[in-house]
C-alpha atoms as a PDB file:
ATOM      1  CA  UNK A   1       1.965  15.935 -23.501  1.00  0.00           C
ATOM      2  CA  UNK A   2      -0.511  13.190 -23.554  1.00  0.00           C
ATOM      3  CA  UNK A   3       1.558  10.428 -21.485  1.00  0.00           C
ATOM      4  CA  UNK A   4       2.422  13.172 -18.991  1.00  0.00           C
ATOM      5  CA  UNK A   5      -0.558  13.826 -17.741  1.00  0.00           C
ATOM      6  CA  UNK A   6      -2.013  10.429 -17.980  1.00  0.00           C
ATOM      7  CA  UNK A   7       1.358   9.725 -15.174  1.00  0.00           C
ATOM      8  CA  UNK A   8      -0.136  12.907 -13.421  1.00  0.00           C
ATOM      9  CA  UNK A   9      -3.848  11.056 -13.249  1.00  0.00           C
ATOM     10  CA  UNK A  10      -1.808   7.906 -12.214  1.00  0.00           C
ATOM     11  CA  UNK A  11       0.071   9.318  -9.550  1.00  0.00           C
ATOM     12  CA  UNK A  12      -3.246  11.217  -8.464  1.00  0.00           C
ATOM     13  CA  UNK A  13      -4.733   7.683  -7.635  1.00  0.00           C
ATOM     14  CA  UNK A  14      -2.190   6.078  -5.864  1.00  0.00           C
ATOM     15  CA  UNK A  15      -1.764   9.260  -3.679  1.00  0.00           C
ATOM     16  CA  UNK A  16      -5.840   9.335  -3.215  1.00  0.00           C
ATOM     17  CA  UNK A  17      -5.690   5.566  -2.700  1.00  0.00           C
ATOM     18  CA  UNK A  18      -2.445   5.990   0.258  1.00  0.00           C
ATOM     19  CA  UNK A  19      -4.516   9.173   1.781  1.00  0.00           C
ATOM     20  CA  UNK A  20      -8.041   6.925   1.854  1.00  0.00           C
ATOM     21  CA  UNK A  21      -6.030   3.778   3.725  1.00  0.00           C
ATOM     22  CA  UNK A  22      -3.747   5.864   5.908  1.00  0.00           C
ATOM     23  CA  UNK A  23      -6.406   8.319   7.247  1.00  0.00           C
ATOM     24  CA  UNK A  24      -9.001   6.404   9.214  1.00  0.00           C
ATOM     25  CA  UNK A  25      -5.790   5.036  11.012  1.00  0.00           C
ATOM     26  CA  UNK A  26      -4.246   8.386  11.617  1.00  0.00           C
ATOM     27  CA  UNK A  27      -7.528   9.504  12.560  1.00  0.00           C
ATOM     28  CA  UNK A  28      -8.218   6.972  15.402  1.00  0.00           C
ATOM     29  CA  UNK A  29      -4.879   7.236  16.232  1.00  0.00           C
ATOM     30  CA  UNK A  30      -4.770  10.662  16.949  1.00  0.00           C
ATOM     31  CA  UNK A  31      -8.325  10.348  18.722  1.00  0.00           C
ATOM     32  CA  UNK A  32      -7.248   7.903  20.990  1.00  0.00           C
ATOM     33  CA  UNK A  33      -4.117  10.067  21.818  1.00  0.00           C
ATOM     34  CA  UNK A  34      -6.130  13.401  22.739  1.00  0.00           C
ATOM     35  CA  UNK A  35      -8.230  10.998  24.729  1.00  0.00           C
ATOM     36  CA  UNK A  36      -5.065   9.621  26.808  1.00  0.00           C
ATOM     37  CA  UNK A  37      -3.803  13.385  26.785  1.00  0.00           C
ATOM     38  CA  UNK A  38      -6.931  15.449  27.600  1.00  0.00           C
ATOM     39  CA  UNK A  39      -7.632  13.310  30.804  1.00  0.00           C
ATOM     40  CA  UNK A  40      -4.267  13.983  32.009  1.00  0.00           C
ATOM     41  CA  UNK A  41      -4.497  17.271  30.839  1.00  0.00           C
ATOM     42  CA  UNK A  42      -7.574  17.422  33.001  1.00  0.00           C
END
């Protein structure tokens, strides 16, 4: 149980690190895309 739990925790930390690094970039890109798409739509 112990090693498996530790592996799960490590994987969770890695996932959180990836999310924290990707989300701001994706949000910025999505915002820029929505702005350009919104201008075209309107």
